[in-house]
C-alpha atoms as a PDB file:
ATOM      1  CA  MET A   1      27.224 -79.136 -10.833  1.00  0.00           C
ATOM      2  CA  ASN A   2      29.439 -76.183 -10.255  1.00  0.00           C
ATOM      3  CA  HIS A   3      27.900 -73.200  -8.553  1.00  0.00           C
ATOM      4  CA  ASP A   4      29.876 -70.868 -10.776  1.00  0.00           C
ATOM      5  CA  GLU A   5      27.981 -72.004 -13.890  1.00  0.00           C
ATOM      6  CA  THR A   6      24.507 -71.096 -12.578  1.00  0.00           C
ATOM      7  CA  LEU A   7      25.365 -67.580 -11.633  1.00  0.00           C
ATOM      8  CA  GLU A   8      24.894 -64.990 -14.267  1.00  0.00           C
ATOM      9  CA  PRO A   9      27.374 -62.202 -14.361  1.00  0.00           C
ATOM     10  CA  THR A  10      26.178 -59.099 -12.586  1.00  0.00           C
ATOM     11  CA  PRO A  11      26.195 -56.028 -14.731  1.00  0.00           C
ATOM     12  CA  VAL A  12      28.570 -53.346 -13.639  1.00  0.00           C
ATOM     13  CA  GLN A  13      26.720 -50.400 -12.143  1.00  0.00           C
ATOM     14  CA  ARG A  14      27.816 -47.259 -13.880  1.00  0.00           C
ATOM     15  CA  ARG A  15      28.017 -44.047 -11.961  1.00  0.00           C
ATOM     16  CA  THR A  16      27.231 -40.734 -13.542  1.00  0.00           C
ATOM     17  CA  SER A  17      30.210 -38.524 -13.236  1.00  0.00           C
ATOM     18  CA  GLY A  18      31.919 -35.723 -15.052  1.00  0.00           C
ATOM     19  CA  PRO A  19      29.882 -33.253 -17.110  1.00  0.00           C
ATOM     20  CA  LYS A  20      26.785 -35.496 -17.112  1.00  0.00           C
ATOM     21  CA  GLY A  21      26.783 -35.649 -13.323  1.00  0.00           C
ATOM     22  CA  CYS A  22      27.053 -31.875 -13.029  1.00  0.00           C
ATOM     23  CA  LEU A  23      24.223 -31.354 -15.496  1.00  0.00           C
ATOM     24  CA  LEU A  24      22.063 -33.869 -13.678  1.00  0.00           C
ATOM     25  CA  ALA A  25      22.760 -32.232 -10.305  1.00  0.00           C
ATOM     26  CA  PHE A  26      22.040 -28.782 -11.745  1.00  0.00           C
ATOM     27  CA  ALA A  27      18.764 -29.955 -13.338  1.00  0.00           C
ATOM     28  CA  LEU A  28      17.676 -31.558 -10.064  1.00  0.00           C
ATOM     29  CA  PHE A  29      18.593 -28.435  -8.070  1.00  0.00           C
ATOM     30  CA  ALA A  30      16.809 -26.159 -10.584  1.00  0.00           C
ATOM     31  CA  ALA A  31      13.666 -28.305 -10.560  1.00  0.00           C
ATOM     32  CA  LEU A  32      13.467 -28.497  -6.765  1.00  0.00           C
ATOM     33  CA  GLY A  33      14.541 -24.888  -6.175  1.00  0.00           C
ATOM     34  CA  GLY A  34      12.334 -23.468  -8.928  1.00  0.00           C
ATOM     35  CA  GLY A  35       9.406 -25.567  -7.740  1.00  0.00           C
ATOM     36  CA  SER A  36       9.866 -24.328  -4.181  1.00  0.00           C
ATOM     37  CA  LEU A  37       9.973 -20.712  -5.350  1.00  0.00           C
ATOM     38  CA  LEU A  38       6.852 -21.174  -7.457  1.00  0.00           C
ATOM     39  CA  VAL A  39       4.931 -22.780  -4.585  1.00  0.00           C
ATOM     40  CA  SER A  40       6.091 -20.000  -2.225  1.00  0.00           C
ATOM     41  CA  LYS A  41       4.974 -17.301  -4.665  1.00  0.00           C
ATOM     42  CA  VAL A  42       1.549 -18.880  -5.153  1.00  0.00           C
ATOM     43  CA  LEU A  43       1.025 -19.215  -1.395  1.00  0.00           C
ATOM     44  CA  PHE A  44       2.269 -15.656  -0.762  1.00  0.00           C
ATOM     45  CA  ASP A  45       0.041 -14.201  -3.481  1.00  0.00           C
ATOM     46  CA  ARG A  46      -3.012 -16.074  -2.242  1.00  0.00           C
ATOM     47  CA  LYS A  47      -2.462 -15.045   1.394  1.00  0.00           C
ATOM     48  CA  ASN A  48      -1.579 -11.407   0.670  1.00  0.00           C
ATOM     49  CA  ALA A  49      -3.761 -10.681  -2.355  1.00  0.00           C
ATOM     50  CA  SER A  50      -6.057  -8.324  -0.443  1.00  0.00           C
ATOM     51  CA  VAL A  51      -3.105  -6.452   1.086  1.00  0.00           C
ATOM     52  CA  LEU A  52      -1.515  -5.993  -2.336  1.00  0.00           C
ATOM     53  CA  ALA A  53      -4.836  -4.962  -3.885  1.00  0.00           C
ATOM     54  CA  GLY A  54      -5.375  -2.485  -1.059  1.00  0.00           C
ATOM     55  CA  ALA A  55      -1.934  -0.970  -1.600  1.00  0.00           C
ATOM     56  CA  ARG A  56      -2.668  -0.558  -5.326  1.00  0.00           C
ATOM     57  CA  GLU A  57      -6.058   1.019  -4.589  1.00  0.00           C
ATOM     58  CA  LEU A  58      -4.563   3.388  -2.010  1.00  0.00           C
ATOM     59  CA  GLY A  59      -1.835   4.343  -4.482  1.00  0.00           C
ATOM     60  CA  SER A  60      -4.458   5.122  -7.111  1.00  0.00           C
ATOM     61  CA  VAL A  61      -6.515   7.248  -4.687  1.00  0.00           C
ATOM     62  CA  LEU A  62      -3.406   9.157  -3.524  1.00  0.00           C
ATOM     63  CA  THR A  63      -2.342   9.776  -7.141  1.00  0.00           C
ATOM     64  CA  GLN A  64      -5.746  11.282  -7.893  1.00  0.00           C
ATOM     65  CA  ALA A  65      -5.530  13.347  -4.701  1.00  0.00           C
ATOM     66  CA  SER A  66      -2.082  14.703  -5.591  1.00  0.00           C
ATOM     67  CA  ASP A  67      -3.399  15.799  -9.004  1.00  0.00           C
ATOM     68  CA  ALA A  68      -6.479  17.542  -7.517  1.00  0.00           C
ATOM     69  CA  PRO A  69      -6.876  21.314  -7.797  1.00  0.00           C
ATOM     70  CA  GLY A  70      -4.929  23.067  -5.036  1.00  0.00           C
ATOM     71  CA  ALA A  71      -2.523  20.170  -4.411  1.00  0.00           C
ATOM     72  CA  ALA A  72       0.376  21.812  -6.292  1.00  0.00           C
ATOM     73  CA  GLU A  73      -0.043  24.983  -4.239  1.00  0.00           C
ATOM     74  CA  VAL A  74       0.033  22.958  -0.992  1.00  0.00           C
ATOM     75  CA  ARG A  75       3.124  21.029  -2.184  1.00  0.00           C
ATOM     76  CA  ALA A  76       4.835  24.391  -2.810  1.00  0.00           C
ATOM     77  CA  LEU A  77       4.816  24.926   0.983  1.00  0.00           C
ATOM     78  CA  GLY A  78       7.466  22.193   1.206  1.00  0.00           C
ATOM     79  CA  CYS A  79       5.110  19.262   1.694  1.00  0.00           C
ATOM     80  CA  GLU A  80       6.670  16.006   0.512  1.00  0.00           C
ATOM     81  CA  SER A  81       3.204  14.648  -0.122  1.00  0.00           C
ATOM     82  CA  ALA A  82       0.111  16.784  -0.588  1.00  0.00           C
ATOM     83  CA  GLY A  83      -3.357  16.401  -2.004  1.00  0.00           C
ATOM     84  CA  ALA A  84      -7.092  16.736  -1.616  1.00  0.00           C
ATOM     85  CA  LEU A  85      -9.177  13.633  -0.968  1.00  0.00           C
ATOM     86  CA  SER A  86     -12.937  13.541  -1.266  1.00  0.00           C
ATOM     87  CA  ALA A  87     -14.785  11.913   1.616  1.00  0.00           C
ATOM     88  CA  ASP A  88     -16.492   9.623  -0.920  1.00  0.00           C
ATOM     89  CA  ALA A  89     -13.145   8.403  -2.318  1.00  0.00           C
ATOM     90  CA  LEU A  90     -11.925   7.544   1.197  1.00  0.00           C
ATOM     91  CA  GLN A  91     -15.182   5.767   2.076  1.00  0.00           C
ATOM     92  CA  ASP A  92     -15.228   3.817  -1.228  1.00  0.00           C
ATOM     93  CA  LEU A  93     -11.640   2.680  -0.700  1.00  0.00           C
ATOM     94  CA  ALA A  94     -12.361   1.556   2.867  1.00  0.00           C
ATOM     95  CA  MET A  95     -15.454  -0.369   1.743  1.00  0.00           C
ATOM     96  CA  ARG A  96     -13.578  -2.123  -1.096  1.00  0.00           C
ATOM     97  CA  LEU A  97     -10.826  -3.179   1.298  1.00  0.00           C
ATOM     98  CA  GLU A  98     -13.383  -4.430   3.837  1.00  0.00           C
ATOM     99  CA  GLU A  99     -15.233  -6.404   1.138  1.00  0.00           C
ATOM    100  CA  GLU A 100     -11.986  -8.087   0.031  1.00  0.00           C
ATOM    101  CA  THR A 101     -11.047  -8.893   3.625  1.00  0.00           C
ATOM    102  CA  ALA A 102     -14.525 -10.278   4.331  1.00  0.00           C
ATOM    103  CA  LEU A 103     -14.372 -12.435   1.204  1.00  0.00           C
ATOM    104  CA  ALA A 104     -10.981 -13.834   2.232  1.00  0.00           C
ATOM    105  CA  GLU A 105     -12.242 -14.500   5.774  1.00  0.00           C
ATOM    106  CA  LYS A 106     -15.551 -15.952   4.482  1.00  0.00           C
ATOM    107  CA  ARG A 107     -17.762 -13.540   6.431  1.00  0.00           C
ATOM    108  CA  PRO A 108     -20.160 -10.739   5.518  1.00  0.00           C
ATOM    109  CA  PRO A 109     -18.596  -7.267   5.165  1.00  0.00           C
ATOM    110  CA  ARG A 110     -18.886  -4.957   8.149  1.00  0.00           C
ATOM    111  CA  ALA A 111     -20.095  -1.374   7.942  1.00  0.00           C
ATOM    112  CA  ILE A 112     -17.205   1.097   7.742  1.00  0.00           C
ATOM    113  CA  ASP A 113     -17.411   4.654   9.049  1.00  0.00           C
ATOM    114  CA  LEU A 114     -14.233   6.688   8.721  1.00  0.00           C
ATOM    115  CA  GLY A 115     -15.793   9.723  10.347  1.00  0.00           C
ATOM    116  CA  ALA A 116     -14.742  11.978   7.441  1.00  0.00           C
ATOM    117  CA  ARG A 117     -17.703  13.903   5.986  1.00  0.00           C
ATOM    118  CA  ASP A 118     -15.747  16.728   4.367  1.00  0.00           C
ATOM    119  CA  PRO A 119     -13.001  16.654   1.756  1.00  0.00           C
ATOM    120  CA  VAL A 120      -9.546  16.271   3.344  1.00  0.00           C
ATOM    121  CA  VAL A 121      -6.579  18.405   2.299  1.00  0.00           C
ATOM    122  CA  TYR A 122      -3.347  16.885   3.557  1.00  0.00           C
ATOM    123  CA  CYS A 123       0.296  17.896   3.809  1.00  0.00           C
ATOM    124  CA  ALA A 124       3.081  15.562   4.891  1.00  0.00           C
ATOM    125  CA  HIS A 125       5.964  17.845   5.814  1.00  0.00           C
ATOM    126  CA  PRO A 126       9.489  16.877   6.905  1.00  0.00           C
ATOM    127  CA  ALA A 127       9.836  19.719   9.468  1.00  0.00           C
ATOM    128  CA  THR A 128       7.987  19.616  12.782  1.00  0.00           C
ATOM    129  CA  GLY A 129       5.304  22.285  13.148  1.00  0.00           C
ATOM    130  CA  GLU A 130       5.503  23.538   9.573  1.00  0.00           C
ATOM    131  CA  PRO A 131       3.270  24.580   7.904  1.00  0.00           C
ATOM    132  CA  SER A 132       0.232  25.449   9.998  1.00  0.00           C
ATOM    133  CA  CYS A 133      -3.229  24.252   8.991  1.00  0.00           C
ATOM    134  CA  SER A 134      -4.224  27.845   8.135  1.00  0.00           C
ATOM    135  CA  LYS A 135      -1.239  28.193   5.757  1.00  0.00           C
ATOM    136  CA  VAL A 136      -2.204  24.918   4.054  1.00  0.00           C
ATOM    137  CA  ALA A 137      -5.846  26.069   3.747  1.00  0.00           C
ATOM    138  CA  ALA A 138      -4.771  29.398   2.208  1.00  0.00           C
ATOM    139  CA  ALA A 139      -2.481  27.622  -0.283  1.00  0.00           C
ATOM    140  CA  TYR A 140      -5.240  25.153  -1.173  1.00  0.00           C
ATOM    141  CA  LEU A 141      -7.700  28.001  -1.832  1.00  0.00           C
ATOM    142  CA  ARG A 142      -5.228  29.614  -4.276  1.00  0.00           C
ATOM    143  CA  GLY A 143      -5.645  26.596  -6.572  1.00  0.00           C
ATOM    144  CA  ALA A 144      -9.101  25.248  -5.747  1.00  0.00           C
ATOM    145  CA  LYS A 145     -12.572  26.637  -5.314  1.00  0.00           C
ATOM    146  CA  PRO A 146     -14.275  24.230  -2.885  1.00  0.00           C
ATOM    147  CA  ALA A 147     -18.071  24.207  -2.834  1.00  0.00           C
ATOM    148  CA  SER A 148     -18.222  23.273   0.841  1.00  0.00           C
ATOM    149  CA  ALA A 149     -16.211  23.033   4.038  1.00  0.00           C
ATOM    150  CA  PHE A 150     -12.990  20.999   4.108  1.00  0.00           C
ATOM    151  CA  VAL A 151     -10.605  19.568   6.682  1.00  0.00           C
ATOM    152  CA  VAL A 152      -6.848  20.217   6.662  1.00  0.00           C
ATOM    153  CA  THR A 153      -4.387  17.824   8.254  1.00  0.00           C
ATOM    154  CA  VAL A 154      -0.621  18.280   8.522  1.00  0.00           C
ATOM    155  CA  ARG A 155       1.614  15.343   9.408  1.00  0.00           C
ATOM    156  CA  THR A 156       5.274  15.050  10.287  1.00  0.00           C
ATOM    157  CA  GLY A 157       6.381  11.436  10.272  1.00  0.00           C
ATOM    158  CA  PHE A 158       4.149   9.564  12.706  1.00  0.00           C
ATOM    159  CA  ASN A 159       2.683  12.738  14.255  1.00  0.00           C
ATOM    160  CA  GLU A 160      -0.342  14.687  13.173  1.00  0.00           C
ATOM    161  CA  THR A 161       0.634  18.286  13.988  1.00  0.00           C
ATOM    162  CA  CYS A 162      -2.769  19.840  13.283  1.00  0.00           C
ATOM    163  CA  VAL A 163      -6.275  18.964  12.078  1.00  0.00           C
ATOM    164  CA  GLU A 164      -8.605  21.875  11.436  1.00  0.00           C
ATOM    165  CA  ARG A 165     -11.926  22.435   9.637  1.00  0.00           C
ATOM    166  CA  PHE A 166     -12.384  25.415   7.294  1.00  0.00           C
ATOM    167  CA  ASP A 167     -15.428  26.741   5.466  1.00  0.00           C
ATOM    168  CA  ALA A 168     -15.370  27.198   1.678  1.00  0.00           C
ATOM    169  CA  ALA A 169     -13.988  30.755   2.116  1.00  0.00           C
ATOM    170  CA  GLY A 170     -11.081  29.521   4.261  1.00  0.00           C
ATOM    171  CA  VAL A 171     -12.346  30.650   7.663  1.00  0.00           C
ATOM    172  CA  SER A 172     -11.412  28.206  10.424  1.00  0.00           C
ATOM    173  CA  SER A 173     -14.157  26.600  12.482  1.00  0.00           C
ATOM    174  CA  GLY A 174     -11.600  25.103  14.865  1.00  0.00           C
ATOM    175  CA  PRO A 175     -10.113  21.659  15.477  1.00  0.00           C
ATOM    176  CA  ALA A 176     -11.620  18.704  13.661  1.00  0.00           C
ATOM    177  CA  PRO A 177     -11.562  14.954  14.292  1.00  0.00           C
ATOM    178  CA  SER A 178      -8.596  13.267  12.626  1.00  0.00           C
ATOM    179  CA  PRO A 179      -9.371  11.670   9.261  1.00  0.00           C
ATOM    180  CA  ARG A 180      -6.826   8.965  10.256  1.00  0.00           C
ATOM    181  CA  LEU A 181      -4.867   9.044   7.019  1.00  0.00           C
ATOM    182  CA  PRO A 182      -2.021   6.548   6.579  1.00  0.00           C
ATOM    183  CA  LEU A 183       1.587   7.547   7.050  1.00  0.00           C
ATOM    184  CA  LEU A 184       2.303   9.759   4.021  1.00  0.00           C
ATOM    185  CA  VAL A 185       5.900  10.728   4.672  1.00  0.00           C
ATOM    186  CA  ALA A 186       8.626   8.486   6.046  1.00  0.00           C
ATOM    187  CA  PRO A 187       9.767   9.406   9.553  1.00  0.00           C
ATOM    188  CA  ARG A 188      13.306  10.762   9.807  1.00  0.00           C
END
């Protein structure tokens, strides 16, 4: 018996080359790359959902504040960002953000006290020291008729240049605690 007769011929292994090879490589790259991007997006969205929701909520509150009576008059002083925020709107926003954070961290929400009891009129101005809190209060009163006292804060970049409390007629009652608003104008 000859050993050559018992061996079956081995099929020739064909290699993919040319256009088929390029298409196969592209499909493999697209599947792995696209899959990686999709997994990254899902993980990013899950981890940062509360941050993104908070940014949307803050944007909505600031849009309402910039449309409030008196905001246009304050903006006319050269404020890049100006508005009037109710203490309730600030407190509601803080509570919603705390509830979302607590849910993500699987803990009960903590009590939030921002310290703001009065409406807050804000001006984010590019020039240091301009305008004064009394100028902002006077401009605000030209467009709004507040029913109670309000707090004015003026910011330049990272610095709060003044925080002052005024009665409904615009008479200052002196410095007030900072309402700790976020950065409303980019530092230069």
